[in-house]
Amino acid sequence: MTRMPEEWEILTLRGLTATDERADEFVGTLVIHRAGSKEPVESITVRVRRSVVREVHEGLGRLLKRSTGFVRPGS
């Protein structure tokens, strides 16, 4: 029997901080929940490079710009 891959839901990313504004890495807590499960959430400490933060920012920005019903704050 083929097992289906696990699917996780990202609930939030808490406390993404760096030692200073020029840092190349940020540390925070990724809060996730197994999709379709009644199990409690899990918190995982993550380290994220600045280049990844920039890539995610640009990708989410494009996604939200195309999304129906998204209103930009201050619009």
C-alpha atoms as a PDB file:
ATOM      1  CA  MET A   1       0.000   0.000   0.000  1.00  0.00           C
ATOM      2  CA  THR A   2       1.382   3.390  -1.010  1.00  0.00           C
ATOM      3  CA  ARG A   3       1.575   5.841   1.826  1.00  0.00           C
ATOM      4  CA  MET A   4       0.410   9.392   1.131  1.00  0.00           C
ATOM      5  CA  PRO A   5       2.994  12.091   1.833  1.00  0.00           C
ATOM      6  CA  GLU A   6       2.569  14.069   5.012  1.00  0.00           C
ATOM      7  CA  GLU A   7       1.016  17.499   4.680  1.00  0.00           C
ATOM      8  CA  TRP A   8       1.573  20.250   7.204  1.00  0.00           C
ATOM      9  CA  GLU A   9      -0.263  23.527   7.695  1.00  0.00           C
ATOM     10  CA  ILE A  10       1.834  26.561   8.635  1.00  0.00           C
ATOM     11  CA  LEU A  11       0.056  28.473  11.374  1.00  0.00           C
ATOM     12  CA  THR A  12       2.567  31.248  11.999  1.00  0.00           C
ATOM     13  CA  LEU A  13       6.214  32.251  12.139  1.00  0.00           C
ATOM     14  CA  ARG A  14       6.982  33.829  15.504  1.00  0.00           C
ATOM     15  CA  GLY A  15       9.794  36.050  16.616  1.00  0.00           C
ATOM     16  CA  LEU A  16      11.857  36.126  13.438  1.00  0.00           C
ATOM     17  CA  THR A  17      14.793  38.165  14.700  1.00  0.00           C
ATOM     18  CA  ALA A  18      18.420  38.837  13.947  1.00  0.00           C
ATOM     19  CA  THR A  19      21.296  40.188  15.961  1.00  0.00           C
ATOM     20  CA  ASP A  20      21.260  43.392  13.884  1.00  0.00           C
ATOM     21  CA  GLU A  21      19.702  44.843  10.728  1.00  0.00           C
ATOM     22  CA  ARG A  22      22.644  43.693   8.567  1.00  0.00           C
ATOM     23  CA  ALA A  23      22.489  40.039   9.647  1.00  0.00           C
ATOM     24  CA  ASP A  24      22.465  37.309   7.007  1.00  0.00           C
ATOM     25  CA  GLU A  25      20.374  34.946   9.139  1.00  0.00           C
ATOM     26  CA  PHE A  26      17.216  35.229  11.194  1.00  0.00           C
ATOM     27  CA  VAL A  27      15.994  32.845  13.891  1.00  0.00           C
ATOM     28  CA  GLY A  28      12.365  32.240  14.796  1.00  0.00           C
ATOM     29  CA  THR A  29       9.767  29.636  15.649  1.00  0.00           C
ATOM     30  CA  LEU A  30       7.717  27.969  12.934  1.00  0.00           C
ATOM     31  CA  VAL A  31       4.359  26.815  14.309  1.00  0.00           C
ATOM     32  CA  ILE A  32       2.841  23.976  12.285  1.00  0.00           C
ATOM     33  CA  HIS A  33      -0.003  21.500  12.482  1.00  0.00           C
ATOM     34  CA  ARG A  34      -0.391  18.196  10.666  1.00  0.00           C
ATOM     35  CA  ALA A  35      -3.192  18.715   8.110  1.00  0.00           C
ATOM     36  CA  GLY A  36      -6.338  16.748   8.903  1.00  0.00           C
ATOM     37  CA  SER A  37      -5.110  15.694  12.324  1.00  0.00           C
ATOM     38  CA  LYS A  38      -6.450  16.543  15.746  1.00  0.00           C
ATOM     39  CA  GLU A  39      -2.946  16.376  17.180  1.00  0.00           C
ATOM     40  CA  PRO A  40      -1.639  19.522  18.830  1.00  0.00           C
ATOM     41  CA  VAL A  41       0.528  21.999  16.985  1.00  0.00           C
ATOM     42  CA  GLU A  42       4.281  21.668  16.917  1.00  0.00           C
ATOM     43  CA  SER A  43       6.820  24.459  17.306  1.00  0.00           C
ATOM     44  CA  ILE A  44      10.148  24.196  15.531  1.00  0.00           C
ATOM     45  CA  THR A  45      13.065  26.600  15.833  1.00  0.00           C
ATOM     46  CA  VAL A  46      14.143  27.660  12.346  1.00  0.00           C
ATOM     47  CA  ARG A  47      17.103  29.582  10.962  1.00  0.00           C
ATOM     48  CA  VAL A  48      16.371  31.455   7.716  1.00  0.00           C
ATOM     49  CA  ARG A  49      18.890  33.140   5.421  1.00  0.00           C
ATOM     50  CA  ARG A  50      18.198  36.705   4.292  1.00  0.00           C
ATOM     51  CA  SER A  51      18.077  35.564   0.652  1.00  0.00           C
ATOM     52  CA  VAL A  52      15.253  33.125   1.490  1.00  0.00           C
ATOM     53  CA  VAL A  53      13.316  35.824   3.384  1.00  0.00           C
ATOM     54  CA  ARG A  54      13.638  38.093   0.328  1.00  0.00           C
ATOM     55  CA  GLU A  55      12.538  35.299  -2.046  1.00  0.00           C
ATOM     56  CA  VAL A  56       9.483  34.440   0.097  1.00  0.00           C
ATOM     57  CA  HIS A  57       8.604  38.142   0.411  1.00  0.00           C
ATOM     58  CA  GLU A  58       8.664  38.617  -3.368  1.00  0.00           C
ATOM     59  CA  GLY A  59       6.751  35.397  -4.054  1.00  0.00           C
ATOM     60  CA  LEU A  60       4.027  36.124  -1.505  1.00  0.00           C
ATOM     61  CA  GLY A  61       3.790  39.708  -2.740  1.00  0.00           C
ATOM     62  CA  ARG A  62       3.111  38.499  -6.290  1.00  0.00           C
ATOM     63  CA  LEU A  63       0.594  35.930  -5.035  1.00  0.00           C
ATOM     64  CA  LEU A  64      -1.305  38.487  -2.954  1.00  0.00           C
ATOM     65  CA  LYS A  65      -1.266  41.036  -5.770  1.00  0.00           C
ATOM     66  CA  ARG A  66      -3.050  38.524  -8.046  1.00  0.00           C
ATOM     67  CA  SER A  67      -5.416  37.275  -5.341  1.00  0.00           C
ATOM     68  CA  THR A  68      -9.060  38.221  -5.635  1.00  0.00           C
ATOM     69  CA  GLY A  69     -10.384  40.094  -2.637  1.00  0.00           C
ATOM     70  CA  PHE A  70      -6.994  41.054  -1.188  1.00  0.00           C
ATOM     71  CA  VAL A  71      -6.982  44.672  -0.065  1.00  0.00           C
ATOM     72  CA  ARG A  72      -3.630  46.297   0.566  1.00  0.00           C
ATOM     73  CA  PRO A  73      -3.341  47.914   3.987  1.00  0.00           C
ATOM     74  CA  GLY A  74      -3.776  51.669   3.634  1.00  0.00           C
ATOM     75  CA  SER A  75      -5.649  51.400   0.297  1.00  0.00           C
END
